Amino acid sequence: YAGKMKKGDTILNSATGKTERIGRMVEMHANDRNEIDSAQ
């Protein structure tokens, strides 16, 4: 909804209070995918 997300970023899951690192990000086409480095 807001901001940017890049491969390797550390993000917070506000429901669990734990952080996670973004590994691979993909753009979906049904069950195929294209690797991407950032999204916004």
All heavy atoms as atom14 arrays in JSON, in Angstrom:
{
  "sequence": "YAGKMKKGDTILNSATGKTERIGRMVEMHANDRNEIDSAQ",
  "atom14_mask": [
    [1, 1, 1, 1, 1, 1, 1, 1, 1, 1, 1, 1, 0, 0],
    [1, 1, 1, 1, 1, 0, 0, 0, 0, 0, 0, 0, 0, 0],
    [1, 1, 1, 1, 0, 0, 0, 0, 0, 0, 0, 0, 0, 0],
    [1, 1, 1, 1, 1, 1, 1, 1, 1, 0, 0, 0, 0, 0],
    [1, 1, 1, 1, 1, 1, 1, 1, 0, 0, 0, 0, 0, 0],
    [1, 1, 1, 1, 1, 1, 1, 1, 1, 0, 0, 0, 0, 0],
    [1, 1, 1, 1, 1, 1, 1, 1, 1, 0, 0, 0, 0, 0],
    [1, 1, 1, 1, 0, 0, 0, 0, 0, 0, 0, 0, 0, 0],
    [1, 1, 1, 1, 1, 1, 1, 1, 0, 0, 0, 0, 0, 0],
    [1, 1, 1, 1, 1, 1, 1, 0, 0, 0, 0, 0, 0, 0],
    [1, 1, 1, 1, 1, 1, 1, 1, 0, 0, 0, 0, 0, 0],
    [1, 1, 1, 1, 1, 1, 1, 1, 0, 0, 0, 0, 0, 0],
    [1, 1, 1, 1, 1, 1, 1, 1, 0, 0, 0, 0, 0, 0],
    [1, 1, 1, 1, 1, 1, 0, 0, 0, 0, 0, 0, 0, 0],
    [1, 1, 1, 1, 1, 0, 0, 0, 0, 0, 0, 0, 0, 0],
    [1, 1, 1, 1, 1, 1, 1, 0, 0, 0, 0, 0, 0, 0],
    [1, 1, 1, 1, 0, 0, 0, 0, 0, 0, 0, 0, 0, 0],
    [1, 1, 1, 1, 1, 1, 1, 1, 1, 0, 0, 0, 0, 0],
    [1, 1, 1, 1, 1, 1, 1, 0, 0, 0, 0, 0, 0, 0],
    [1, 1, 1, 1, 1, 1, 1, 1, 1, 0, 0, 0, 0, 0],
    [1, 1, 1, 1, 1, 1, 1, 1, 1, 1, 1, 0, 0, 0],
    [1, 1, 1, 1, 1, 1, 1, 1, 0, 0, 0, 0, 0, 0],
    [1, 1, 1, 1, 0, 0, 0, 0, 0, 0, 0, 0, 0, 0],
    [1, 1, 1, 1, 1, 1, 1, 1, 1, 1, 1, 0, 0, 0],
    [1, 1, 1, 1, 1, 1, 1, 1, 0, 0, 0, 0, 0, 0],
    [1, 1, 1, 1, 1, 1, 1, 0, 0, 0, 0, 0, 0, 0],
    [1, 1, 1, 1, 1, 1, 1, 1, 1, 0, 0, 0, 0, 0],
    [1, 1, 1, 1, 1, 1, 1, 1, 0, 0, 0, 0, 0, 0],
    [1, 1, 1, 1, 1, 1, 1, 1, 1, 1, 0, 0, 0, 0],
    [1, 1, 1, 1, 1, 0, 0, 0, 0, 0, 0, 0, 0, 0],
    [1, 1, 1, 1, 1, 1, 1, 1, 0, 0, 0, 0, 0, 0],
    [1, 1, 1, 1, 1, 1, 1, 1, 0, 0, 0, 0, 0, 0],
    [1, 1, 1, 1, 1, 1, 1, 1, 1, 1, 1, 0, 0, 0],
    [1, 1, 1, 1, 1, 1, 1, 1, 0, 0, 0, 0, 0, 0],
    [1, 1, 1, 1, 1, 1, 1, 1, 1, 0, 0, 0, 0, 0],
    [1, 1, 1, 1, 1, 1, 1, 1, 0, 0, 0, 0, 0, 0],
    [1, 1, 1, 1, 1, 1, 1, 1, 0, 0, 0, 0, 0, 0],
    [1, 1, 1, 1, 1, 1, 0, 0, 0, 0, 0, 0, 0, 0],
    [1, 1, 1, 1, 1, 0, 0, 0, 0, 0, 0, 0, 0, 0],
    [1, 1, 1, 1, 1, 1, 1, 1, 1, 0, 0, 0, 0, 0]
  ],
  "atom14_positions": [
    [[0.83, -1.21, 0.0], [0.0, 0.0, 0.0], [0.86, 1.26, 0.0], [0.47, 2.28, -0.54], [-0.91, 0.02, 1.23], [-2.04, -0.97, 1.12], [-2.06, -2.12, 1.88], [-3.07, -0.74, 0.22], [-3.09, -3.04, 1.76], [-4.11, -1.64, 0.09], [-4.12, -2.78, 0.86], [-5.13, -3.68, 0.73], [0.0, 0.0, 0.0], [0.0, 0.0, 0.0]],
    [[2.0, 1.2, 0.68], [2.83, 2.41, 0.76], [4.29, 1.99, 0.81], [4.62, 0.91, 1.32], [2.46, 3.21, 2.01], [0.0, 0.0, 0.0], [0.0, 0.0, 0.0], [0.0, 0.0, 0.0], [0.0, 0.0, 0.0], [0.0, 0.0, 0.0], [0.0, 0.0, 0.0], [0.0, 0.0, 0.0], [0.0, 0.0, 0.0], [0.0, 0.0, 0.0]],
    [[5.16, 2.87, 0.3], [6.6, 2.6, 0.41], [7.12, 1.67, -0.67], [6.45, 1.37, -1.64], [0.0, 0.0, 0.0], [0.0, 0.0, 0.0], [0.0, 0.0, 0.0], [0.0, 0.0, 0.0], [0.0, 0.0, 0.0], [0.0, 0.0, 0.0], [0.0, 0.0, 0.0], [0.0, 0.0, 0.0], [0.0, 0.0, 0.0], [0.0, 0.0, 0.0]],
    [[8.37, 1.21, -0.44], [9.04, 0.33, -1.41], [9.51, -0.92, -0.68], [9.74, -0.89, 0.52], [10.26, 1.03, -2.02], [9.98, 2.26, -2.83], [11.27, 2.71, -3.54], [11.07, 3.95, -4.4], [10.92, 5.18, -3.63], [0.0, 0.0, 0.0], [0.0, 0.0, 0.0], [0.0, 0.0, 0.0], [0.0, 0.0, 0.0], [0.0, 0.0, 0.0]],
    [[9.7, -1.99, -1.44], [10.24, -3.22, -0.85], [11.32, -3.72, -1.79], [11.09, -3.84, -3.0], [9.1, -4.25, -0.74], [9.43, -5.45, 0.11], [8.12, -6.69, 0.04], [7.1, -6.2, 1.37], [0.0, 0.0, 0.0], [0.0, 0.0, 0.0], [0.0, 0.0, 0.0], [0.0, 0.0, 0.0], [0.0, 0.0, 0.0], [0.0, 0.0, 0.0]],
    [[12.51, -3.95, -1.23], [13.62, -4.39, -2.07], [14.16, -5.72, -1.56], [14.04, -6.05, -0.38], [14.75, -3.35, -2.08], [14.38, -2.08, -2.84], [15.6, -1.24, -3.15], [16.1, -0.42, -1.97], [15.09, 0.56, -1.49], [0.0, 0.0, 0.0], [0.0, 0.0, 0.0], [0.0, 0.0, 0.0], [0.0, 0.0, 0.0], [0.0, 0.0, 0.0]],
    [[14.78, -6.46, -2.46], [15.41, -7.73, -2.09], [16.45, -7.44, -1.01], [17.23, -6.49, -1.12], [16.1, -8.27, -3.34], [16.18, -9.76, -3.41], [16.55, -10.14, -4.83], [17.35, -11.41, -4.8], [17.65, -11.88, -6.14], [0.0, 0.0, 0.0], [0.0, 0.0, 0.0], [0.0, 0.0, 0.0], [0.0, 0.0, 0.0], [0.0, 0.0, 0.0]],
    [[16.47, -8.24, 0.06], [17.46, -8.04, 1.11], [17.01, -7.11, 2.23], [17.67, -6.99, 3.26], [0.0, 0.0, 0.0], [0.0, 0.0, 0.0], [0.0, 0.0, 0.0], [0.0, 0.0, 0.0], [0.0, 0.0, 0.0], [0.0, 0.0, 0.0], [0.0, 0.0, 0.0], [0.0, 0.0, 0.0], [0.0, 0.0, 0.0], [0.0, 0.0, 0.0]],
    [[15.84, -6.43, 2.05], [15.33, -5.56, 3.12], [14.92, -6.38, 4.34], [14.51, -7.53, 4.22], [14.06, -4.82, 2.65], [14.41, -3.61, 1.79], [15.61, -3.37, 1.61], [13.49, -2.92, 1.31], [0.0, 0.0, 0.0], [0.0, 0.0, 0.0], [0.0, 0.0, 0.0], [0.0, 0.0, 0.0], [0.0, 0.0, 0.0], [0.0, 0.0, 0.0]],
    [[15.02, -5.75, 5.52], [14.45, -6.37, 6.72], [13.14, -5.67, 7.02], [13.08, -4.44, 7.08], [15.42, -6.21, 7.91], [16.62, -6.89, 7.57], [14.83, -6.84, 9.17], [0.0, 0.0, 0.0], [0.0, 0.0, 0.0], [0.0, 0.0, 0.0], [0.0, 0.0, 0.0], [0.0, 0.0, 0.0], [0.0, 0.0, 0.0], [0.0, 0.0, 0.0]],
    [[12.08, -6.46, 7.18], [10.76, -5.86, 7.44], [10.21, -6.43, 8.74], [10.64, -7.49, 9.2], [9.78, -6.13, 6.29], [9.68, -7.63, 6.05], [10.16, -5.4, 5.03], [8.48, -8.02, 5.25], [0.0, 0.0, 0.0], [0.0, 0.0, 0.0], [0.0, 0.0, 0.0], [0.0, 0.0, 0.0], [0.0, 0.0, 0.0], [0.0, 0.0, 0.0]],
    [[9.22, -5.73, 9.3], [8.62, -6.15, 10.56], [7.22, -6.7, 10.3], [6.44, -6.1, 9.55], [8.53, -4.95, 11.51], [7.78, -5.18, 12.84], [8.62, -6.06, 13.77], [7.48, -3.86, 13.54], [0.0, 0.0, 0.0], [0.0, 0.0, 0.0], [0.0, 0.0, 0.0], [0.0, 0.0, 0.0], [0.0, 0.0, 0.0], [0.0, 0.0, 0.0]],
    [[6.91, -7.84, 10.92], [5.54, -8.36, 10.89], [4.87, -7.86, 12.18], [5.18, -8.33, 13.27], [5.59, -9.89, 10.84], [4.21, -10.5, 10.91], [3.22, -9.83, 11.18], [4.14, -11.79, 10.66], [0.0, 0.0, 0.0], [0.0, 0.0, 0.0], [0.0, 0.0, 0.0], [0.0, 0.0, 0.0], [0.0, 0.0, 0.0], [0.0, 0.0, 0.0]],
    [[3.95, -6.9, 12.04], [3.42, -6.26, 13.26], [2.51, -7.21, 14.06], [2.23, -6.96, 15.22], [2.68, -4.97, 12.92], [1.52, -5.27, 12.2], [0.0, 0.0, 0.0], [0.0, 0.0, 0.0], [0.0, 0.0, 0.0], [0.0, 0.0, 0.0], [0.0, 0.0, 0.0], [0.0, 0.0, 0.0], [0.0, 0.0, 0.0], [0.0, 0.0, 0.0]],
    [[2.05, -8.31, 13.44], [1.19, -9.24, 14.17], [2.0, -10.1, 15.14], [1.55, -10.44, 16.23], [0.44, -10.13, 13.19], [0.0, 0.0, 0.0], [0.0, 0.0, 0.0], [0.0, 0.0, 0.0], [0.0, 0.0, 0.0], [0.0, 0.0, 0.0], [0.0, 0.0, 0.0], [0.0, 0.0, 0.0], [0.0, 0.0, 0.0], [0.0, 0.0, 0.0]],
    [[3.24, -10.45, 14.73], [4.06, -11.33, 15.59], [5.16, -10.55, 16.31], [5.76, -11.05, 17.27], [4.74, -12.43, 14.75], [5.58, -11.78, 13.77], [3.73, -13.3, 14.04], [0.0, 0.0, 0.0], [0.0, 0.0, 0.0], [0.0, 0.0, 0.0], [0.0, 0.0, 0.0], [0.0, 0.0, 0.0], [0.0, 0.0, 0.0], [0.0, 0.0, 0.0]],
    [[5.44, -9.31, 15.82], [6.53, -8.54, 16.43], [7.91, -9.01, 15.98], [8.93, -8.55, 16.49], [0.0, 0.0, 0.0], [0.0, 0.0, 0.0], [0.0, 0.0, 0.0], [0.0, 0.0, 0.0], [0.0, 0.0, 0.0], [0.0, 0.0, 0.0], [0.0, 0.0, 0.0], [0.0, 0.0, 0.0], [0.0, 0.0, 0.0], [0.0, 0.0, 0.0]],
    [[7.96, -9.95, 15.02], [9.25, -10.48, 14.54], [9.63, -9.82, 13.22], [8.77, -9.42, 12.44], [9.16, -11.99, 14.33], [8.91, -12.79, 15.61], [9.17, -14.28, 15.36], [9.19, -15.07, 16.65], [7.88, -15.52, 17.08], [0.0, 0.0, 0.0], [0.0, 0.0, 0.0], [0.0, 0.0, 0.0], [0.0, 0.0, 0.0], [0.0, 0.0, 0.0]],
    [[10.93, -9.73, 12.99], [11.37, -9.19, 11.7], [11.72, -10.35, 10.76], [12.07, -11.43, 11.21], [12.61, -8.29, 11.85], [13.61, -9.04, 12.54], [12.3, -7.04, 12.63], [0.0, 0.0, 0.0], [0.0, 0.0, 0.0], [0.0, 0.0, 0.0], [0.0, 0.0, 0.0], [0.0, 0.0, 0.0], [0.0, 0.0, 0.0], [0.0, 0.0, 0.0]],
    [[11.61, -10.08, 9.46], [11.99, -11.08, 8.46], [12.77, -10.38, 7.37], [12.57, -9.2, 7.1], [10.74, -11.71, 7.83], [9.89, -12.46, 8.81], [9.32, -13.75, 8.21], [9.82, -14.21, 7.17], [8.39, -14.3, 8.82], [0.0, 0.0, 0.0], [0.0, 0.0, 0.0], [0.0, 0.0, 0.0], [0.0, 0.0, 0.0], [0.0, 0.0, 0.0]],
    [[13.65, -11.17, 6.72], [14.42, -10.6, 5.63], [13.77, -11.02, 4.31], [13.36, -12.17, 4.16], [15.86, -11.14, 5.71], [16.82, -10.4, 4.82], [18.27, -10.73, 5.21], [19.18, -10.26, 4.18], [19.4, -10.92, 3.04], [18.8, -12.07, 2.84], [20.22, -10.43, 2.14], [0.0, 0.0, 0.0], [0.0, 0.0, 0.0], [0.0, 0.0, 0.0]],
    [[13.67, -10.07, 3.39], [13.07, -10.39, 2.09], [14.12, -11.1, 1.24], [15.16, -10.52, 0.92], [12.62, -9.09, 1.36], [11.6, -8.34, 2.2], [12.06, -9.42, -0.01], [10.24, -8.92, 2.24], [0.0, 0.0, 0.0], [0.0, 0.0, 0.0], [0.0, 0.0, 0.0], [0.0, 0.0, 0.0], [0.0, 0.0, 0.0], [0.0, 0.0, 0.0]],
    [[13.82, -12.33, 0.87], [14.75, -13.08, 0.0], [14.36, -12.84, -1.44], [14.49, -11.74, -1.96], [0.0, 0.0, 0.0], [0.0, 0.0, 0.0], [0.0, 0.0, 0.0], [0.0, 0.0, 0.0], [0.0, 0.0, 0.0], [0.0, 0.0, 0.0], [0.0, 0.0, 0.0], [0.0, 0.0, 0.0], [0.0, 0.0, 0.0], [0.0, 0.0, 0.0]],
    [[13.79, -13.88, -2.07], [13.41, -13.73, -3.48], [12.02, -13.11, -3.6], [11.1, -13.48, -2.91], [13.41, -15.1, -4.16], [14.8, -15.66, -4.33], [14.76, -17.11, -4.75], [13.92, -17.3, -5.92], [13.22, -18.42, -6.14], [13.25, -19.39, -5.27], [12.48, -18.55, -7.23], [0.0, 0.0, 0.0], [0.0, 0.0, 0.0], [0.0, 0.0, 0.0]],
    [[11.92, -12.13, -4.51], [10.62, -11.53, -4.81], [10.25, -11.88, -6.24], [11.11, -11.88, -7.13], [10.7, -10.0, -4.69], [10.84, -9.53, -3.27], [11.43, -7.84, -3.19], [10.17, -6.97, -4.04], [0.0, 0.0, 0.0], [0.0, 0.0, 0.0], [0.0, 0.0, 0.0], [0.0, 0.0, 0.0], [0.0, 0.0, 0.0], [0.0, 0.0, 0.0]],
    [[8.97, -12.21, -6.47], [8.57, -12.59, -7.82], [7.27, -11.9, -8.21], [6.45, -11.57, -7.37], [8.38, -14.13, -7.95], [9.69, -14.86, -7.85], [7.41, -14.66, -6.91], [0.0, 0.0, 0.0], [0.0, 0.0, 0.0], [0.0, 0.0, 0.0], [0.0, 0.0, 0.0], [0.0, 0.0, 0.0], [0.0, 0.0, 0.0], [0.0, 0.0, 0.0]],
    [[7.15, -11.7, -9.54], [5.89, -11.19, -10.08], [5.19, -12.42, -10.64], [5.8, -13.21, -11.35], [6.27, -10.23, -11.21], [5.14, -9.56, -11.9], [5.68, -8.75, -13.07], [6.14, -7.63, -12.84], [5.66, -9.27, -14.21], [0.0, 0.0, 0.0], [0.0, 0.0, 0.0], [0.0, 0.0, 0.0], [0.0, 0.0, 0.0], [0.0, 0.0, 0.0]],
    [[3.92, -12.61, -10.29], [3.26, -13.86, -10.63], [2.55, -13.79, -11.98], [1.98, -12.77, -12.35], [2.21, -14.19, -9.56], [2.79, -14.45, -8.21], [3.97, -15.8, -8.23], [2.9, -17.18, -8.64], [0.0, 0.0, 0.0], [0.0, 0.0, 0.0], [0.0, 0.0, 0.0], [0.0, 0.0, 0.0], [0.0, 0.0, 0.0], [0.0, 0.0, 0.0]],
    [[2.61, -14.92, -12.7], [1.7, -15.09, -13.84], [1.11, -16.48, -13.66], [1.69, -17.47, -14.1], [2.46, -14.97, -15.16], [1.58, -15.27, -16.34], [0.37, -14.63, -16.51], [1.68, -16.14, -17.37], [-0.2, -15.09, -17.63], [0.57, -16.02, -18.14], [0.0, 0.0, 0.0], [0.0, 0.0, 0.0], [0.0, 0.0, 0.0], [0.0, 0.0, 0.0]],
    [[-0.03, -16.55, -12.93], [-0.63, -17.83, -12.52], [0.43, -18.65, -11.78], [0.88, -18.24, -10.73], [-1.23, -18.55, -13.7], [0.0, 0.0, 0.0], [0.0, 0.0, 0.0], [0.0, 0.0, 0.0], [0.0, 0.0, 0.0], [0.0, 0.0, 0.0], [0.0, 0.0, 0.0], [0.0, 0.0, 0.0], [0.0, 0.0, 0.0], [0.0, 0.0, 0.0]],
    [[0.89, -19.81, -12.36], [1.91, -20.55, -11.59], [3.31, -20.38, -12.18], [4.23, -21.12, -11.84], [1.55, -22.03, -11.46], [1.44, -22.7, -12.82], [1.29, -22.01, -13.82], [1.5, -24.01, -12.85], [0.0, 0.0, 0.0], [0.0, 0.0, 0.0], [0.0, 0.0, 0.0], [0.0, 0.0, 0.0], [0.0, 0.0, 0.0], [0.0, 0.0, 0.0]],
    [[3.51, -19.42, -13.09], [4.86, -19.07, -13.53], [5.26, -17.79, -12.81], [4.42, -17.1, -12.28], [4.89, -18.79, -15.04], [4.67, -20.08, -15.81], [4.96, -21.14, -15.23], [4.18, -20.01, -16.95], [0.0, 0.0, 0.0], [0.0, 0.0, 0.0], [0.0, 0.0, 0.0], [0.0, 0.0, 0.0], [0.0, 0.0, 0.0], [0.0, 0.0, 0.0]],
    [[6.56, -17.51, -12.8], [6.95, -16.3, -12.08], [8.15, -15.64, -12.74], [8.96, -16.28, -13.37], [7.3, -16.67, -10.64], [8.5, -17.54, -10.55], [8.41, -18.73, -9.65], [7.1, -19.24, -9.46], [6.64, -19.63, -8.29], [7.39, -19.55, -7.24], [5.47, -20.13, -8.17], [0.0, 0.0, 0.0], [0.0, 0.0, 0.0], [0.0, 0.0, 0.0]],
    [[8.25, -14.33, -12.55], [9.44, -13.59, -12.99], [10.1, -13.02, -11.76], [9.45, -12.39, -10.93], [9.05, -12.39, -13.89], [8.24, -12.84, -15.08], [8.5, -13.9, -15.61], [7.25, -12.05, -15.47], [0.0, 0.0, 0.0], [0.0, 0.0, 0.0], [0.0, 0.0, 0.0], [0.0, 0.0, 0.0], [0.0, 0.0, 0.0], [0.0, 0.0, 0.0]],
    [[11.41, -13.22, -11.64], [12.14, -12.67, -10.48], [12.2, -11.15, -10.61], [12.43, -10.62, -11.7], [13.59, -13.21, -10.49], [13.69, -14.71, -10.27], [13.94, -15.05, -8.81], [14.32, -14.15, -8.04], [13.72, -16.21, -8.44], [0.0, 0.0, 0.0], [0.0, 0.0, 0.0], [0.0, 0.0, 0.0], [0.0, 0.0, 0.0], [0.0, 0.0, 0.0]],
    [[12.0, -10.44, -9.5], [12.17, -8.99, -9.52], [13.03, -8.57, -8.32], [13.15, -9.34, -7.35], [10.81, -8.24, -9.48], [9.94, -8.75, -8.31], [10.06, -8.37, -10.77], [8.66, -7.98, -8.13], [0.0, 0.0, 0.0], [0.0, 0.0, 0.0], [0.0, 0.0, 0.0], [0.0, 0.0, 0.0], [0.0, 0.0, 0.0], [0.0, 0.0, 0.0]],
    [[13.63, -7.38, -8.39], [14.51, -6.94, -7.3], [13.82, -5.96, -6.37], [14.21, -5.79, -5.22], [15.77, -6.27, -7.87], [16.65, -7.3, -8.58], [16.59, -8.47, -8.17], [17.34, -6.93, -9.54], [0.0, 0.0, 0.0], [0.0, 0.0, 0.0], [0.0, 0.0, 0.0], [0.0, 0.0, 0.0], [0.0, 0.0, 0.0], [0.0, 0.0, 0.0]],
    [[12.8, -5.26, -6.89], [12.13, -4.29, -6.0], [10.69, -4.13, -6.44], [10.33, -4.44, -7.58], [12.84, -2.94, -6.06], [12.66, -2.38, -7.35], [0.0, 0.0, 0.0], [0.0, 0.0, 0.0], [0.0, 0.0, 0.0], [0.0, 0.0, 0.0], [0.0, 0.0, 0.0], [0.0, 0.0, 0.0], [0.0, 0.0, 0.0], [0.0, 0.0, 0.0]],
    [[9.87, -3.66, -5.51], [8.46, -3.39, -5.81], [8.07, -2.17, -5.0], [8.78, -1.78, -4.07], [7.62, -4.58, -5.43], [0.0, 0.0, 0.0], [0.0, 0.0, 0.0], [0.0, 0.0, 0.0], [0.0, 0.0, 0.0], [0.0, 0.0, 0.0], [0.0, 0.0, 0.0], [0.0, 0.0, 0.0], [0.0, 0.0, 0.0], [0.0, 0.0, 0.0]],
    [[6.92, -1.57, -5.36], [6.55, -0.33, -4.67], [5.04, -0.26, -4.48], [4.31, -1.14, -4.92], [7.02, 0.85, -5.49], [6.35, 0.85, -6.86], [6.35, 2.2, -7.51], [7.14, 3.05, -7.19], [5.45, 2.41, -8.45], [0.0, 0.0, 0.0], [0.0, 0.0, 0.0], [0.0, 0.0, 0.0], [0.0, 0.0, 0.0], [0.0, 0.0, 0.0]]
  ]
}
